[in-house]
Amino acid sequence: MFKQWFVLSLSLLLSLPALAEDTWTDVGIYLFAAELDGESTVGGVTSDVDVPFDDILENLDLGYMGYIEHRRGPWSYFGDIAYLKLKADDSSSSDGLLEVEVDAELEQTVLEGFVGYRIAENGTGDDTLGFDVYLGLRNTRLDISLDSDASLLGLTRSRDRGGDDDWTDTVVGLRLQWGGTEGWIGSLRIDAGDGSDSSSEQLIALVGYQSESDWVFFGGYRYLNIDVEDGGDNDFGIDIDYQGPMFGASYRL
């Protein structure tokens, strides 16, 4: 449903006239306070990955995020990096006898790079509404370890599995931006990616305020789904939703 809606929206916007003449560069940092929901498989061991929003800071070991964008006329060039290292605990029981506890540790880097083109623009100054289409790559590297303890009638067996993989999706996206050089601004960005054994979908909705000193402070919501299945030696696979609030600041050069 997501991809069908995206293709329909893109086809409608491609019929609109294009113009844009601004030149600027934004450099920013942000925090994506995401909750995680999904599952991972490493070497035949499958574990639910469930980290609710109110536990994310407790489970987060390290994280940093940043982006840069340069616009020149109708063209825009932007990239984004998000790094997370966290732990997720899962436990389940079966028949009241067998209990399995699985601790998962994830270290993940998502690196994106895009080229966009403004296909339509309406209004002037600080009331400008523009539509961009963009194309690029999303590279994901994930290192995951699963520590499982199975207990049956008082006997416990431990098993550790670890695996890492990286993959790249080709991404096509659509972005709506409103605002100008001062005051309130907003943006909505949706995209879909596809690789040989992977796929991804993303939505980012932001509202911000741009000051006279060229600082922008923003907040909003982000959703990212990453799905990959590699049946190689590690039997590696994940299907995880990242979603939650994001907020940060940027400076316009």
C-alpha atoms as a PDB file:
ATOM      1  CA  MET A   1       0.000   0.000   0.000  1.00  0.00           C
ATOM      2  CA  PHE A   2       2.829   2.382   0.869  1.00  0.00           C
ATOM      3  CA  LYS A   3       4.583   1.931  -2.478  1.00  0.00           C
ATOM      4  CA  GLN A   4       1.371   2.187  -4.527  1.00  0.00           C
ATOM      5  CA  TRP A   5       0.443   5.465  -2.810  1.00  0.00           C
ATOM      6  CA  PHE A   6       3.964   6.776  -3.365  1.00  0.00           C
ATOM      7  CA  VAL A   7       3.937   5.982  -7.107  1.00  0.00           C
ATOM      8  CA  LEU A   8       0.523   7.649  -7.529  1.00  0.00           C
ATOM      9  CA  SER A   9       1.642  10.817  -5.724  1.00  0.00           C
ATOM     10  CA  LEU A  10       4.838  10.989  -7.762  1.00  0.00           C
ATOM     11  CA  SER A  11       3.016  10.635 -11.085  1.00  0.00           C
ATOM     12  CA  LEU A  12       0.655  13.485 -10.191  1.00  0.00           C
ATOM     13  CA  LEU A  13       3.440  15.842  -9.120  1.00  0.00           C
ATOM     14  CA  LEU A  14       5.520  15.198 -12.233  1.00  0.00           C
ATOM     15  CA  SER A  15       2.856  17.030 -14.238  1.00  0.00           C
ATOM     16  CA  LEU A  16       3.481  20.317 -12.355  1.00  0.00           C
ATOM     17  CA  PRO A  17       5.868  23.072 -13.565  1.00  0.00           C
ATOM     18  CA  ALA A  18       9.291  23.356 -11.926  1.00  0.00           C
ATOM     19  CA  LEU A  19      11.262  26.336 -10.680  1.00  0.00           C
ATOM     20  CA  ALA A  20      13.656  27.252  -7.853  1.00  0.00           C
ATOM     21  CA  GLU A  21      16.605  29.613  -7.562  1.00  0.00           C
ATOM     22  CA  ASP A  22      17.832  29.483  -3.961  1.00  0.00           C
ATOM     23  CA  THR A  23      21.403  28.582  -3.030  1.00  0.00           C
ATOM     24  CA  TRP A  24      22.216  27.495   0.530  1.00  0.00           C
ATOM     25  CA  THR A  25      23.837  24.781   2.642  1.00  0.00           C
ATOM     26  CA  ASP A  26      22.447  23.332   5.892  1.00  0.00           C
ATOM     27  CA  VAL A  27      24.494  21.351   8.421  1.00  0.00           C
ATOM     28  CA  GLY A  28      22.655  19.797  11.364  1.00  0.00           C
ATOM     29  CA  ILE A  29      22.565  17.275  14.171  1.00  0.00           C
ATOM     30  CA  TYR A  30      19.518  15.531  15.596  1.00  0.00           C
ATOM     31  CA  LEU A  31      18.269  12.832  17.946  1.00  0.00           C
ATOM     32  CA  PHE A  32      15.974  10.070  16.733  1.00  0.00           C
ATOM     33  CA  ALA A  33      14.365   8.621  19.880  1.00  0.00           C
ATOM     34  CA  ALA A  34      13.012   5.534  18.143  1.00  0.00           C
ATOM     35  CA  GLU A  35      11.200   2.576  19.551  1.00  0.00           C
ATOM     36  CA  LEU A  36      12.054  -0.734  17.885  1.00  0.00           C
ATOM     37  CA  ASP A  37       9.639  -3.487  16.975  1.00  0.00           C
ATOM     38  CA  GLY A  38      10.433  -6.562  14.874  1.00  0.00           C
ATOM     39  CA  GLU A  39      12.588  -9.649  14.831  1.00  0.00           C
ATOM     40  CA  SER A  40      16.099 -10.726  13.950  1.00  0.00           C
ATOM     41  CA  THR A  41      17.628 -14.067  12.914  1.00  0.00           C
ATOM     42  CA  VAL A  42      21.281 -15.046  13.259  1.00  0.00           C
ATOM     43  CA  GLY A  43      22.483 -18.592  12.620  1.00  0.00           C
ATOM     44  CA  GLY A  44      19.061 -20.126  13.087  1.00  0.00           C
ATOM     45  CA  VAL A  45      18.323 -18.254  16.333  1.00  0.00           C
ATOM     46  CA  THR A  46      15.336 -15.914  16.005  1.00  0.00           C
ATOM     47  CA  SER A  47      14.601 -13.242  18.588  1.00  0.00           C
ATOM     48  CA  ASP A  48      11.961 -10.573  18.938  1.00  0.00           C
ATOM     49  CA  VAL A  49      13.462  -7.099  19.061  1.00  0.00           C
ATOM     50  CA  ASP A  50      11.123  -4.946  21.125  1.00  0.00           C
ATOM     51  CA  VAL A  51      12.404  -1.743  22.723  1.00  0.00           C
ATOM     52  CA  PRO A  52       9.539   0.623  23.623  1.00  0.00           C
ATOM     53  CA  PHE A  53      10.056   4.373  23.559  1.00  0.00           C
ATOM     54  CA  ASP A  54      10.138   4.748  27.350  1.00  0.00           C
ATOM     55  CA  ASP A  55      13.041   2.229  27.528  1.00  0.00           C
ATOM     56  CA  ILE A  56      15.144   3.558  24.643  1.00  0.00           C
ATOM     57  CA  LEU A  57      17.448   5.735  26.777  1.00  0.00           C
ATOM     58  CA  GLU A  58      17.999   2.880  29.238  1.00  0.00           C
ATOM     59  CA  ASN A  59      18.936   0.479  26.429  1.00  0.00           C
ATOM     60  CA  LEU A  60      20.920   2.969  24.337  1.00  0.00           C
ATOM     61  CA  ASP A  61      24.700   2.616  24.724  1.00  0.00           C
ATOM     62  CA  LEU A  62      25.705   5.160  22.084  1.00  0.00           C
ATOM     63  CA  GLY A  63      24.100   7.108  19.272  1.00  0.00           C
ATOM     64  CA  TYR A  64      24.740  10.030  16.969  1.00  0.00           C
ATOM     65  CA  MET A  65      22.934  11.462  13.952  1.00  0.00           C
ATOM     66  CA  GLY A  66      23.685  14.244  11.505  1.00  0.00           C
ATOM     67  CA  TYR A  67      22.913  15.509   8.022  1.00  0.00           C
ATOM     68  CA  ILE A  68      24.036  17.997   5.387  1.00  0.00           C
ATOM     69  CA  GLU A  69      22.167  19.478   2.441  1.00  0.00           C
ATOM     70  CA  HIS A  70      23.203  21.811  -0.334  1.00  0.00           C
ATOM     71  CA  ARG A  71      20.685  23.424  -2.678  1.00  0.00           C
ATOM     72  CA  ARG A  72      21.623  25.175  -5.897  1.00  0.00           C
ATOM     73  CA  GLY A  73      18.699  26.301  -7.991  1.00  0.00           C
ATOM     74  CA  PRO A  74      16.274  23.406  -8.533  1.00  0.00           C
ATOM     75  CA  TRP A  75      18.938  20.847  -7.547  1.00  0.00           C
ATOM     76  CA  SER A  76      19.549  19.606  -4.019  1.00  0.00           C
ATOM     77  CA  TYR A  77      22.219  17.252  -2.670  1.00  0.00           C
ATOM     78  CA  PHE A  78      21.748  15.826   0.811  1.00  0.00           C
ATOM     79  CA  GLY A  79      23.051  13.065   3.012  1.00  0.00           C
ATOM     80  CA  ASP A  80      22.325  11.622   6.421  1.00  0.00           C
ATOM     81  CA  ILE A  81      24.085   9.358   8.923  1.00  0.00           C
ATOM     82  CA  ALA A  82      22.484   7.644  11.928  1.00  0.00           C
ATOM     83  CA  TYR A  83      24.419   5.378  14.294  1.00  0.00           C
ATOM     84  CA  LEU A  84      22.850   3.351  17.125  1.00  0.00           C
ATOM     85  CA  LYS A  85      24.230   0.860  19.594  1.00  0.00           C
ATOM     86  CA  LEU A  86      21.685  -0.638  21.961  1.00  0.00           C
ATOM     87  CA  LYS A  87      20.567  -3.737  23.803  1.00  0.00           C
ATOM     88  CA  ALA A  88      17.169  -5.405  23.742  1.00  0.00           C
ATOM     89  CA  ASP A  89      15.977  -8.110  26.129  1.00  0.00           C
ATOM     90  CA  ASP A  90      13.318 -10.681  25.296  1.00  0.00           C
ATOM     91  CA  SER A  91      11.997 -13.613  27.307  1.00  0.00           C
ATOM     92  CA  SER A  92       9.291 -16.210  26.653  1.00  0.00           C
ATOM     93  CA  SER A  93       8.061 -19.465  28.110  1.00  0.00           C
ATOM     94  CA  SER A  94       6.464 -22.629  26.699  1.00  0.00           C
ATOM     95  CA  ASP A  95       4.248 -25.213  28.454  1.00  0.00           C
ATOM     96  CA  GLY A  96       5.309 -23.888  31.831  1.00  0.00           C
ATOM     97  CA  LEU A  97       8.493 -26.004  31.666  1.00  0.00           C
ATOM     98  CA  LEU A  98      10.775 -24.511  29.040  1.00  0.00           C
ATOM     99  CA  GLU A  99      11.874 -20.909  29.437  1.00  0.00           C
ATOM    100  CA  VAL A 100      14.075 -19.156  26.919  1.00  0.00           C
ATOM    101  CA  GLU A 101      15.733 -15.799  27.499  1.00  0.00           C
ATOM    102  CA  VAL A 102      17.387 -13.992  24.609  1.00  0.00           C
ATOM    103  CA  ASP A 103      19.521 -10.855  24.903  1.00  0.00           C
ATOM    104  CA  ALA A 104      20.151  -9.041  21.641  1.00  0.00           C
ATOM    105  CA  GLU A 105      22.781  -6.359  21.088  1.00  0.00           C
ATOM    106  CA  LEU A 106      22.592  -4.286  17.926  1.00  0.00           C
ATOM    107  CA  GLU A 107      25.126  -1.916  16.431  1.00  0.00           C
ATOM    108  CA  GLN A 108      23.762  -0.240  13.334  1.00  0.00           C
ATOM    109  CA  THR A 109      24.790   2.506  10.929  1.00  0.00           C
ATOM    110  CA  VAL A 110      22.464   3.883   8.251  1.00  0.00           C
ATOM    111  CA  LEU A 111      24.142   6.121   5.671  1.00  0.00           C
ATOM    112  CA  GLU A 112      22.083   7.892   2.990  1.00  0.00           C
ATOM    113  CA  GLY A 113      22.987  10.059   0.003  1.00  0.00           C
ATOM    114  CA  PHE A 114      20.526  11.631  -2.450  1.00  0.00           C
ATOM    115  CA  VAL A 115      20.222  13.965  -5.409  1.00  0.00           C
ATOM    116  CA  GLY A 116      16.928  15.843  -5.662  1.00  0.00           C
ATOM    117  CA  TYR A 117      15.229  18.065  -8.218  1.00  0.00           C
ATOM    118  CA  ARG A 118      12.441  20.581  -7.632  1.00  0.00           C
ATOM    119  CA  ILE A 119       9.615  19.730  -9.966  1.00  0.00           C
ATOM    120  CA  ALA A 120       7.062  22.282  -8.719  1.00  0.00           C
ATOM    121  CA  GLU A 121       6.954  25.425  -6.616  1.00  0.00           C
ATOM    122  CA  ASN A 122       4.173  27.765  -5.526  1.00  0.00           C
ATOM    123  CA  GLY A 123       4.381  31.095  -3.679  1.00  0.00           C
ATOM    124  CA  THR A 124       7.316  33.381  -2.914  1.00  0.00           C
ATOM    125  CA  GLY A 125       9.541  34.328   0.011  1.00  0.00           C
ATOM    126  CA  ASP A 126       8.685  32.747   3.339  1.00  0.00           C
ATOM    127  CA  ASP A 127       5.428  31.275   1.974  1.00  0.00           C
ATOM    128  CA  THR A 128       7.033  29.059  -0.656  1.00  0.00           C
ATOM    129  CA  LEU A 129       5.674  25.539  -1.134  1.00  0.00           C
ATOM    130  CA  GLY A 130       7.942  23.234  -3.131  1.00  0.00           C
ATOM    131  CA  PHE A 131       7.906  19.614  -4.309  1.00  0.00           C
ATOM    132  CA  ASP A 132      11.141  17.676  -4.856  1.00  0.00           C
ATOM    133  CA  VAL A 133      11.773  14.218  -6.242  1.00  0.00           C
ATOM    134  CA  TYR A 134      15.013  12.528  -5.256  1.00  0.00           C
ATOM    135  CA  LEU A 135      17.050   9.448  -6.043  1.00  0.00           C
ATOM    136  CA  GLY A 136      19.942   7.922  -4.158  1.00  0.00           C
ATOM    137  CA  LEU A 137      21.298   5.118  -2.020  1.00  0.00           C
ATOM    138  CA  ARG A 138      20.712   3.903   1.544  1.00  0.00           C
ATOM    139  CA  ASN A 139      23.517   1.781   2.983  1.00  0.00           C
ATOM    140  CA  THR A 140      22.887  -0.154   6.191  1.00  0.00           C
ATOM    141  CA  ARG A 141      25.469  -1.961   8.276  1.00  0.00           C
ATOM    142  CA  LEU A 142      24.278  -4.105  11.167  1.00  0.00           C
ATOM    143  CA  ASP A 143      26.273  -6.079  13.712  1.00  0.00           C
ATOM    144  CA  ILE A 144      24.044  -8.184  15.943  1.00  0.00           C
ATOM    145  CA  SER A 145      24.706 -10.722  18.673  1.00  0.00           C
ATOM    146  CA  LEU A 146      22.171 -13.026  20.317  1.00  0.00           C
ATOM    147  CA  ASP A 147      22.834 -14.628  23.722  1.00  0.00           C
ATOM    148  CA  SER A 148      20.224 -17.272  24.527  1.00  0.00           C
ATOM    149  CA  ASP A 149      19.701 -19.264  27.738  1.00  0.00           C
ATOM    150  CA  ALA A 150      17.247 -22.170  27.630  1.00  0.00           C
ATOM    151  CA  SER A 151      16.125 -23.704  30.941  1.00  0.00           C
ATOM    152  CA  LEU A 152      14.281 -27.035  31.211  1.00  0.00           C
ATOM    153  CA  LEU A 153      13.600 -28.740  34.551  1.00  0.00           C
ATOM    154  CA  GLY A 154      16.381 -26.786  36.208  1.00  0.00           C
ATOM    155  CA  LEU A 155      18.955 -27.480  33.481  1.00  0.00           C
ATOM    156  CA  THR A 156      20.267 -24.472  31.553  1.00  0.00           C
ATOM    157  CA  ARG A 157      21.998 -24.391  28.177  1.00  0.00           C
ATOM    158  CA  SER A 158      23.562 -21.245  26.804  1.00  0.00           C
ATOM    159  CA  ARG A 159      24.177 -20.438  23.171  1.00  0.00           C
ATOM    160  CA  ASP A 160      25.781 -17.351  21.651  1.00  0.00           C
ATOM    161  CA  ARG A 161      25.419 -16.355  18.033  1.00  0.00           C
ATOM    162  CA  GLY A 162      26.737 -13.289  16.239  1.00  0.00           C
ATOM    163  CA  GLY A 163      26.593 -11.964  12.726  1.00  0.00           C
ATOM    164  CA  ASP A 164      27.098  -8.826  10.715  1.00  0.00           C
ATOM    165  CA  ASP A 165      26.099  -7.743   7.270  1.00  0.00           C
ATOM    166  CA  ASP A 166      25.820  -4.622   5.148  1.00  0.00           C
ATOM    167  CA  TRP A 167      23.633  -3.908   2.152  1.00  0.00           C
ATOM    168  CA  THR A 168      22.573  -1.033  -0.073  1.00  0.00           C
ATOM    169  CA  ASP A 169      19.112  -0.100  -1.330  1.00  0.00           C
ATOM    170  CA  THR A 170      18.410   2.094  -4.335  1.00  0.00           C
ATOM    171  CA  VAL A 171      15.941   4.712  -3.084  1.00  0.00           C
ATOM    172  CA  VAL A 172      13.402   6.924  -4.838  1.00  0.00           C
ATOM    173  CA  GLY A 173      11.597   9.577  -2.827  1.00  0.00           C
ATOM    174  CA  LEU A 174       9.323  12.583  -2.739  1.00  0.00           C
ATOM    175  CA  ARG A 175       9.683  15.644  -0.500  1.00  0.00           C
ATOM    176  CA  LEU A 176       7.327  18.530   0.274  1.00  0.00           C
ATOM    177  CA  GLN A 177       8.882  21.669   1.807  1.00  0.00           C
ATOM    178  CA  TRP A 178       7.171  24.820   3.047  1.00  0.00           C
ATOM    179  CA  GLY A 179       8.723  28.078   4.259  1.00  0.00           C
ATOM    180  CA  GLY A 180      11.588  30.345   3.335  1.00  0.00           C
ATOM    181  CA  THR A 181      14.558  32.091   4.924  1.00  0.00           C
ATOM    182  CA  GLU A 182      12.895  33.099   8.201  1.00  0.00           C
ATOM    183  CA  GLY A 183      10.015  31.998  10.437  1.00  0.00           C
ATOM    184  CA  TRP A 184       8.139  28.714  10.544  1.00  0.00           C
ATOM    185  CA  ILE A 185       9.078  25.942   8.128  1.00  0.00           C
ATOM    186  CA  GLY A 186       7.900  22.393   7.512  1.00  0.00           C
ATOM    187  CA  SER A 187       8.718  19.330   5.452  1.00  0.00           C
ATOM    188  CA  LEU A 188       7.307  15.912   4.622  1.00  0.00           C
ATOM    189  CA  ARG A 189       9.513  13.252   3.078  1.00  0.00           C
ATOM    190  CA  ILE A 190       8.613   9.734   1.949  1.00  0.00           C
ATOM    191  CA  ASP A 191      10.736   7.199   0.122  1.00  0.00           C
ATOM    192  CA  ALA A 192      11.051   3.527  -0.710  1.00  0.00           C
ATOM    193  CA  GLY A 193      14.225   1.515  -1.276  1.00  0.00           C
ATOM    194  CA  ASP A 194      14.952  -1.831  -2.859  1.00  0.00           C
ATOM    195  CA  GLY A 195      18.053  -4.057  -2.999  1.00  0.00           C
ATOM    196  CA  SER A 196      18.928  -7.576  -4.057  1.00  0.00           C
ATOM    197  CA  ASP A 197      17.889  -9.127  -0.704  1.00  0.00           C
ATOM    198  CA  SER A 198      16.539  -6.069   1.081  1.00  0.00           C
ATOM    199  CA  SER A 199      13.921  -3.348   1.120  1.00  0.00           C
ATOM    200  CA  SER A 200      13.246  -0.218   3.141  1.00  0.00           C
ATOM    201  CA  GLU A 201      10.551   2.418   3.585  1.00  0.00           C
ATOM    202  CA  GLN A 202      10.754   5.772   5.316  1.00  0.00           C
ATOM    203  CA  LEU A 203       8.582   8.705   6.330  1.00  0.00           C
ATOM    204  CA  ILE A 204       9.837  11.921   7.989  1.00  0.00           C
ATOM    205  CA  ALA A 205       7.533  14.794   9.013  1.00  0.00           C
ATOM    206  CA  LEU A 206       9.156  17.892  10.555  1.00  0.00           C
ATOM    207  CA  VAL A 207       8.184  21.366  11.766  1.00  0.00           C
ATOM    208  CA  GLY A 208      10.820  23.958  12.596  1.00  0.00           C
ATOM    209  CA  TYR A 209      11.622  27.604  13.140  1.00  0.00           C
ATOM    210  CA  GLN A 210      14.361  29.458  11.294  1.00  0.00           C
ATOM    211  CA  SER A 211      15.785  32.448  13.162  1.00  0.00           C
ATOM    212  CA  GLU A 212      17.342  35.606  11.787  1.00  0.00           C
ATOM    213  CA  SER A 213      20.754  34.233  12.810  1.00  0.00           C
ATOM    214  CA  ASP A 214      20.337  31.310  10.347  1.00  0.00           C
ATOM    215  CA  TRP A 215      19.800  28.689  13.070  1.00  0.00           C
ATOM    216  CA  VAL A 216      16.942  26.236  12.539  1.00  0.00           C
ATOM    217  CA  PHE A 217      15.373  24.291  15.421  1.00  0.00           C
ATOM    218  CA  PHE A 218      13.062  21.456  14.430  1.00  0.00           C
ATOM    219  CA  GLY A 219      11.086  18.500  15.708  1.00  0.00           C
ATOM    220  CA  GLY A 220       8.812  15.853  14.302  1.00  0.00           C
ATOM    221  CA  TYR A 221       8.290  12.156  13.638  1.00  0.00           C
ATOM    222  CA  ARG A 222      10.252   9.521  11.735  1.00  0.00           C
ATOM    223  CA  TYR A 223       9.364   5.997  10.642  1.00  0.00           C
ATOM    224  CA  LEU A 224      11.885   3.621   9.064  1.00  0.00           C
ATOM    225  CA  ASN A 225      11.375  -0.032   8.155  1.00  0.00           C
ATOM    226  CA  ILE A 226      14.382  -2.179   7.259  1.00  0.00           C
ATOM    227  CA  ASP A 227      13.909  -5.711   5.929  1.00  0.00           C
ATOM    228  CA  VAL A 228      16.735  -7.976   4.782  1.00  0.00           C
ATOM    229  CA  GLU A 229      17.145 -11.724   4.435  1.00  0.00           C
ATOM    230  CA  ASP A 230      20.529 -13.272   3.653  1.00  0.00           C
ATOM    231  CA  GLY A 231      20.541 -17.043   3.651  1.00  0.00           C
ATOM    232  CA  GLY A 232      24.337 -17.337   3.611  1.00  0.00           C
ATOM    233  CA  ASP A 233      26.579 -18.912   6.222  1.00  0.00           C
ATOM    234  CA  ASN A 234      25.173 -16.708   9.002  1.00  0.00           C
ATOM    235  CA  ASP A 235      21.505 -17.244   8.069  1.00  0.00           C
ATOM    236  CA  PHE A 236      21.141 -13.526   8.723  1.00  0.00           C
ATOM    237  CA  GLY A 237      17.903 -11.558   8.585  1.00  0.00           C
ATOM    238  CA  ILE A 238      15.989  -8.717  10.202  1.00  0.00           C
ATOM    239  CA  ASP A 239      12.613  -7.049   9.814  1.00  0.00           C
ATOM    240  CA  ILE A 240      12.487  -4.068  12.181  1.00  0.00           C
ATOM    241  CA  ASP A 241      10.370  -0.908  12.440  1.00  0.00           C
ATOM    242  CA  TYR A 242      12.031   2.193  13.894  1.00  0.00           C
ATOM    243  CA  GLN A 243       9.559   4.908  14.798  1.00  0.00           C
ATOM    244  CA  GLY A 244       9.323   7.829  17.170  1.00  0.00           C
ATOM    245  CA  PRO A 245      10.033  11.528  17.668  1.00  0.00           C
ATOM    246  CA  MET A 246      13.103  13.300  16.355  1.00  0.00           C
ATOM    247  CA  PHE A 247      14.404  16.773  17.138  1.00  0.00           C
ATOM    248  CA  GLY A 248      17.530  18.757  16.447  1.00  0.00           C
ATOM    249  CA  ALA A 249      19.145  21.923  15.148  1.00  0.00           C
ATOM    250  CA  SER A 250      20.924  23.043  11.985  1.00  0.00           C
ATOM    251  CA  TYR A 251      22.831  26.058  10.753  1.00  0.00           C
ATOM    252  CA  ARG A 252      22.446  27.564   7.304  1.00  0.00           C
ATOM    253  CA  LEU A 253      25.768  28.598   5.743  1.00  0.00           C
END
